[in-house]
C-alpha atoms as a PDB file:
ATOM      1  CA  MET A   1      14.082   8.833 -13.469  1.00  0.00           C
ATOM      2  CA  SER A   2      15.526   8.149 -10.160  1.00  0.00           C
ATOM      3  CA  THR A   3      18.447   5.521 -10.359  1.00  0.00           C
ATOM      4  CA  ALA A   4      17.309   3.499  -7.086  1.00  0.00           C
ATOM      5  CA  THR A   5      15.664   0.040  -7.492  1.00  0.00           C
ATOM      6  CA  GLU A   6      14.021  -0.189  -4.282  1.00  0.00           C
ATOM      7  CA  ASN A   7      11.181   1.759  -3.149  1.00  0.00           C
ATOM      8  CA  VAL A   8      10.491   2.891  -6.703  1.00  0.00           C
ATOM      9  CA  GLU A   9       6.652   3.853  -6.068  1.00  0.00           C
ATOM     10  CA  ARG A  10       7.653   5.788  -2.759  1.00  0.00           C
ATOM     11  CA  LYS A  11       6.178   9.341  -3.271  1.00  0.00           C
ATOM     12  CA  VAL A  12       8.792  12.204  -4.273  1.00  0.00           C
ATOM     13  CA  THR A  13       8.574  14.677  -1.895  1.00  0.00           C
ATOM     14  CA  THR A  14      10.987  17.728  -1.322  1.00  0.00           C
ATOM     15  CA  HIS A  15      12.447  15.637   1.495  1.00  0.00           C
ATOM     16  CA  ARG A  16      13.051  12.886  -0.861  1.00  0.00           C
ATOM     17  CA  LEU A  17      14.344  15.186  -3.461  1.00  0.00           C
ATOM     18  CA  LYS A  18      16.858  16.253  -0.799  1.00  0.00           C
ATOM     19  CA  GLU A  19      17.748  12.373   0.293  1.00  0.00           C
ATOM     20  CA  MET A  20      18.297  11.901  -3.505  1.00  0.00           C
ATOM     21  CA  LYS A  21      20.811  14.761  -4.154  1.00  0.00           C
ATOM     22  CA  SER A  22      22.505  13.888  -1.367  1.00  0.00           C
ATOM     23  CA  ASN A  23      23.103  10.377  -2.524  1.00  0.00           C
ATOM     24  CA  GLY A  24      24.166  11.304  -5.566  1.00  0.00           C
ATOM     25  CA  GLU A  25      21.059  10.143  -7.380  1.00  0.00           C
ATOM     26  CA  LYS A  26      19.981  11.496 -10.721  1.00  0.00           C
ATOM     27  CA  ILE A  27      16.278  13.243 -10.710  1.00  0.00           C
ATOM     28  CA  SER A  28      14.261  13.621 -13.674  1.00  0.00           C
ATOM     29  CA  MET A  29      11.534  16.347 -14.299  1.00  0.00           C
ATOM     30  CA  LEU A  30       9.698  16.614 -17.129  1.00  0.00           C
ATOM     31  CA  THR A  31       6.601  19.303 -18.073  1.00  0.00           C
ATOM     32  CA  ALA A  32       2.899  18.642 -18.294  1.00  0.00           C
ATOM     33  CA  TYR A  33       0.019  20.563 -18.350  1.00  0.00           C
ATOM     34  CA  ASP A  34      -2.960  18.251 -18.690  1.00  0.00           C
ATOM     35  CA  TYR A  35      -3.872  14.805 -17.186  1.00  0.00           C
ATOM     36  CA  SER A  36      -3.556  12.482 -19.900  1.00  0.00           C
ATOM     37  CA  MET A  37       0.484  13.746 -20.095  1.00  0.00           C
ATOM     38  CA  ALA A  38       0.933  13.911 -16.295  1.00  0.00           C
ATOM     39  CA  SER A  39      -0.376  10.169 -16.003  1.00  0.00           C
ATOM     40  CA  ILE A  40       1.680   8.976 -18.231  1.00  0.00           C
ATOM     41  CA  ILE A  41       4.825  11.071 -16.907  1.00  0.00           C
ATOM     42  CA  ASP A  42       3.945   9.770 -13.322  1.00  0.00           C
ATOM     43  CA  HIS A  43       3.802   6.311 -14.719  1.00  0.00           C
ATOM     44  CA  ALA A  44       7.167   6.339 -16.538  1.00  0.00           C
ATOM     45  CA  GLY A  45       8.543   7.180 -13.121  1.00  0.00           C
ATOM     46  CA  ILE A  46       9.729  10.561 -13.442  1.00  0.00           C
ATOM     47  CA  ASP A  47      10.374  12.051 -10.433  1.00  0.00           C
ATOM     48  CA  VAL A  48       9.165  15.656 -10.682  1.00  0.00           C
ATOM     49  CA  ILE A  49       6.837  16.935 -12.854  1.00  0.00           C
ATOM     50  CA  LEU A  50       6.145  21.091 -14.115  1.00  0.00           C
ATOM     51  CA  VAL A  51       2.945  22.482 -14.622  1.00  0.00           C
ATOM     52  CA  GLY A  52       5.056  25.628 -16.330  1.00  0.00           C
ATOM     53  CA  ASP A  53       3.616  29.213 -17.371  1.00  0.00           C
ATOM     54  CA  SER A  54       5.021  27.629 -20.985  1.00  0.00           C
ATOM     55  CA  ALA A  55       1.736  26.279 -21.470  1.00  0.00           C
ATOM     56  CA  SER A  56       1.033  30.033 -22.524  1.00  0.00           C
ATOM     57  CA  ASN A  57       2.892  29.112 -25.451  1.00  0.00           C
ATOM     58  CA  VAL A  58       2.537  25.253 -25.745  1.00  0.00           C
ATOM     59  CA  MET A  59      -1.386  25.274 -25.018  1.00  0.00           C
ATOM     60  CA  ALA A  60      -2.551  28.403 -26.076  1.00  0.00           C
ATOM     61  CA  GLY A  61       0.016  29.712 -28.916  1.00  0.00           C
ATOM     62  CA  ASN A  62       1.160  32.761 -27.293  1.00  0.00           C
ATOM     63  CA  ILE A  63       4.185  34.176 -28.402  1.00  0.00           C
ATOM     64  CA  THR A  64       5.324  34.679 -24.510  1.00  0.00           C
ATOM     65  CA  THR A  65       4.515  33.259 -20.913  1.00  0.00           C
ATOM     66  CA  LEU A  66       3.274  36.411 -20.072  1.00  0.00           C
ATOM     67  CA  PRO A  67      -0.620  36.120 -20.809  1.00  0.00           C
ATOM     68  CA  MET A  68      -0.682  32.949 -18.375  1.00  0.00           C
ATOM     69  CA  THR A  69      -3.320  34.023 -15.633  1.00  0.00           C
ATOM     70  CA  ILE A  70      -3.369  32.033 -12.207  1.00  0.00           C
ATOM     71  CA  GLU A  71      -6.389  31.038 -13.312  1.00  0.00           C
ATOM     72  CA  GLN A  72      -5.130  29.154 -16.372  1.00  0.00           C
ATOM     73  CA  MET A  73      -2.113  27.807 -13.808  1.00  0.00           C
ATOM     74  CA  ILE A  74      -5.171  26.199 -11.371  1.00  0.00           C
ATOM     75  CA  TYR A  75      -6.670  24.915 -14.332  1.00  0.00           C
ATOM     76  CA  HIS A  76      -3.809  23.242 -15.835  1.00  0.00           C
ATOM     77  CA  GLY A  77      -2.335  22.439 -11.974  1.00  0.00           C
ATOM     78  CA  SER A  78      -5.328  20.887 -10.984  1.00  0.00           C
ATOM     79  CA  PHE A  79      -5.939  18.383 -13.741  1.00  0.00           C
ATOM     80  CA  VAL A  80      -1.856  17.325 -13.504  1.00  0.00           C
ATOM     81  CA  MET A  81      -2.397  16.778  -9.850  1.00  0.00           C
ATOM     82  CA  LYS A  82      -5.461  14.376 -10.468  1.00  0.00           C
ATOM     83  CA  ALA A  83      -3.308  12.253 -12.632  1.00  0.00           C
ATOM     84  CA  VAL A  84      -0.163  12.133 -10.521  1.00  0.00           C
ATOM     85  CA  LYS A  85       0.374   9.045  -7.723  1.00  0.00           C
ATOM     86  CA  ARG A  86       4.142   9.497  -7.408  1.00  0.00           C
ATOM     87  CA  ALA A  87       6.016  12.170  -8.943  1.00  0.00           C
ATOM     88  CA  LEU A  88       6.397  15.800  -6.942  1.00  0.00           C
ATOM     89  CA  VAL A  89       4.292  18.355  -8.823  1.00  0.00           C
ATOM     90  CA  VAL A  90       5.352  21.983  -9.171  1.00  0.00           C
ATOM     91  CA  VAL A  91       3.618  24.818 -10.456  1.00  0.00           C
ATOM     92  CA  ASP A  92       4.532  27.639 -11.846  1.00  0.00           C
ATOM     93  CA  MET A  93       3.329  31.341 -10.195  1.00  0.00           C
ATOM     94  CA  PRO A  94       2.467  33.132 -13.110  1.00  0.00           C
ATOM     95  CA  PHE A  95       3.914  36.357 -14.461  1.00  0.00           C
ATOM     96  CA  GLY A  96       2.895  39.157 -12.096  1.00  0.00           C
ATOM     97  CA  THR A  97       1.866  36.892  -9.214  1.00  0.00           C
ATOM     98  CA  CYS A  98       5.620  37.629  -7.271  1.00  0.00           C
ATOM     99  CA  SER A  99       6.562  40.712  -8.217  1.00  0.00           C
ATOM    100  CA  GLY A 100       7.604  42.707  -5.498  1.00  0.00           C
ATOM    101  CA  ASN A 101       4.456  42.650  -2.928  1.00  0.00           C
ATOM    102  CA  PRO A 102       5.253  39.844  -0.339  1.00  0.00           C
ATOM    103  CA  ALA A 103       1.681  39.943   0.727  1.00  0.00           C
ATOM    104  CA  LEU A 104      -0.030  39.825  -2.657  1.00  0.00           C
ATOM    105  CA  SER A 105       2.773  36.993  -3.832  1.00  0.00           C
ATOM    106  CA  LEU A 106       1.577  35.305  -0.628  1.00  0.00           C
ATOM    107  CA  GLU A 107      -2.068  35.375  -1.339  1.00  0.00           C
ATOM    108  CA  ALA A 108      -1.381  34.016  -4.950  1.00  0.00           C
ATOM    109  CA  ALA A 109       0.925  31.161  -3.613  1.00  0.00           C
ATOM    110  CA  ILE A 110      -1.930  30.039  -0.976  1.00  0.00           C
ATOM    111  CA  ARG A 111      -4.432  30.307  -3.743  1.00  0.00           C
ATOM    112  CA  ILE A 112      -2.695  28.022  -5.863  1.00  0.00           C
ATOM    113  CA  MET A 113      -1.382  25.749  -3.456  1.00  0.00           C
ATOM    114  CA  LYS A 114      -5.073  25.341  -2.496  1.00  0.00           C
ATOM    115  CA  GLU A 115      -6.616  25.163  -5.571  1.00  0.00           C
ATOM    116  CA  THR A 116      -4.382  22.939  -7.442  1.00  0.00           C
ATOM    117  CA  GLY A 117      -2.888  20.459  -4.270  1.00  0.00           C
ATOM    118  CA  ALA A 118       0.529  20.862  -5.570  1.00  0.00           C
ATOM    119  CA  ASP A 119       3.221  19.680  -3.726  1.00  0.00           C
ATOM    120  CA  THR A 120       5.172  23.093  -4.393  1.00  0.00           C
ATOM    121  CA  LEU A 121       5.802  26.452  -6.230  1.00  0.00           C
ATOM    122  CA  LYS A 122       8.493  27.790  -9.014  1.00  0.00           C
ATOM    123  CA  ILE A 123       9.096  31.214  -8.852  1.00  0.00           C
ATOM    124  CA  GLU A 124      11.249  32.938 -11.602  1.00  0.00           C
ATOM    125  CA  GLY A 125      13.371  35.903 -10.396  1.00  0.00           C
ATOM    126  CA  GLY A 126      16.096  36.438  -8.054  1.00  0.00           C
ATOM    127  CA  GLU A 127      17.351  39.140  -5.154  1.00  0.00           C
ATOM    128  CA  GLU A 128      14.304  41.730  -6.232  1.00  0.00           C
ATOM    129  CA  ILE A 129      11.583  39.253  -5.164  1.00  0.00           C
ATOM    130  CA  ILE A 130      13.423  37.476  -1.934  1.00  0.00           C
ATOM    131  CA  GLU A 131      11.215  39.381   0.479  1.00  0.00           C
ATOM    132  CA  ASP A 132       8.234  37.665  -1.396  1.00  0.00           C
ATOM    133  CA  ILE A 133       9.661  34.246  -1.681  1.00  0.00           C
ATOM    134  CA  SER A 134      10.605  34.745   2.426  1.00  0.00           C
ATOM    135  CA  LYS A 135       7.231  35.336   3.070  1.00  0.00           C
ATOM    136  CA  ILE A 136       6.068  32.058   1.124  1.00  0.00           C
ATOM    137  CA  VAL A 137       8.048  29.875   2.295  1.00  0.00           C
ATOM    138  CA  ASN A 138       7.606  30.868   5.976  1.00  0.00           C
ATOM    139  CA  ALA A 139       3.917  30.326   5.580  1.00  0.00           C
ATOM    140  CA  GLY A 140       4.991  26.463   4.857  1.00  0.00           C
ATOM    141  CA  ILE A 141       5.001  26.764   1.139  1.00  0.00           C
ATOM    142  CA  PRO A 142       8.401  25.347  -0.415  1.00  0.00           C
ATOM    143  CA  VAL A 143       9.549  27.256  -3.538  1.00  0.00           C
ATOM    144  CA  MET A 144      11.734  25.973  -6.304  1.00  0.00           C
ATOM    145  CA  GLY A 145      13.855  28.952  -8.095  1.00  0.00           C
ATOM    146  CA  HIS A 146      14.265  29.628 -11.678  1.00  0.00           C
ATOM    147  CA  LEU A 147      17.275  31.302 -11.922  1.00  0.00           C
ATOM    148  CA  GLY A 148      18.604  30.519 -15.789  1.00  0.00           C
ATOM    149  CA  LEU A 149      15.907  31.348 -18.888  1.00  0.00           C
ATOM    150  CA  MET A 150      13.598  33.724 -17.905  1.00  0.00           C
ATOM    151  CA  PRO A 151      10.569  34.317 -20.062  1.00  0.00           C
ATOM    152  CA  GLN A 152       8.682  36.159 -17.824  1.00  0.00           C
ATOM    153  CA  LEU A 153      11.315  38.965 -18.066  1.00  0.00           C
ATOM    154  CA  ILE A 154      11.418  38.997 -22.152  1.00  0.00           C
ATOM    155  CA  ASN A 155      10.566  42.333 -22.024  1.00  0.00           C
ATOM    156  CA  LYS A 156      12.989  43.574 -19.572  1.00  0.00           C
ATOM    157  CA  TYR A 157      15.907  41.670 -21.412  1.00  0.00           C
ATOM    158  CA  GLY A 158      14.641  41.784 -25.126  1.00  0.00           C
ATOM    159  CA  THR A 159      16.116  38.097 -25.654  1.00  0.00           C
ATOM    160  CA  TYR A 160      15.790  34.609 -23.995  1.00  0.00           C
ATOM    161  CA  THR A 161      19.415  34.405 -23.101  1.00  0.00           C
ATOM    162  CA  VAL A 162      20.318  32.340 -20.386  1.00  0.00           C
ATOM    163  CA  ARG A 163      21.492  34.411 -17.387  1.00  0.00           C
ATOM    164  CA  ALA A 164      22.667  33.344 -13.832  1.00  0.00           C
ATOM    165  CA  LYS A 165      25.316  30.898 -15.713  1.00  0.00           C
ATOM    166  CA  GLU A 166      28.212  32.051 -12.625  1.00  0.00           C
ATOM    167  CA  ARG A 167      27.443  31.773  -8.855  1.00  0.00           C
ATOM    168  CA  LYS A 168      27.517  35.259  -8.167  1.00  0.00           C
ATOM    169  CA  ARG A 169      26.123  37.386 -11.455  1.00  0.00           C
ATOM    170  CA  ASN A 170      26.533  41.028 -11.847  1.00  0.00           C
ATOM    171  CA  ARG A 171      23.261  42.701 -10.047  1.00  0.00           C
ATOM    172  CA  LYS A 172      23.351  45.183 -13.146  1.00  0.00           C
ATOM    173  CA  ASN A 173      21.825  42.624 -15.640  1.00  0.00           C
END
């Protein structure tokens, strides 16, 4: 929750997040997958709500996030958006929707943004999808990166070990 006491009801935007960071304010973030939880979190004053592909595990009982589809992310994201008045809402791009084909990645990003009304997208990955991310950002869609724990790459790494702990990491990993 923001430490600012004035403008507590001010809508959190990407611009507001930059202001908060510049001012040294703490930024809070929680995950929601449905209307009820999003409403509670938003009412509590949390700054950012993530609609994560972890809904695959939490809501559907899957072992990994990989089965999550774009349709399911839109389903959860649209319900969260109906509940939120203040928080910035970030919707995860599920596995396979941003994987090295910038045109297809942009198409998926636009679909998620249009059909959910989300404020921004979260994309897991790094240098291997930089062209995809550039195309999405250049189209006017804000993107949050996801570097640490990378569950969409569970089959590549075989573990949920946190990566990208250092500022620059070895490209072989």
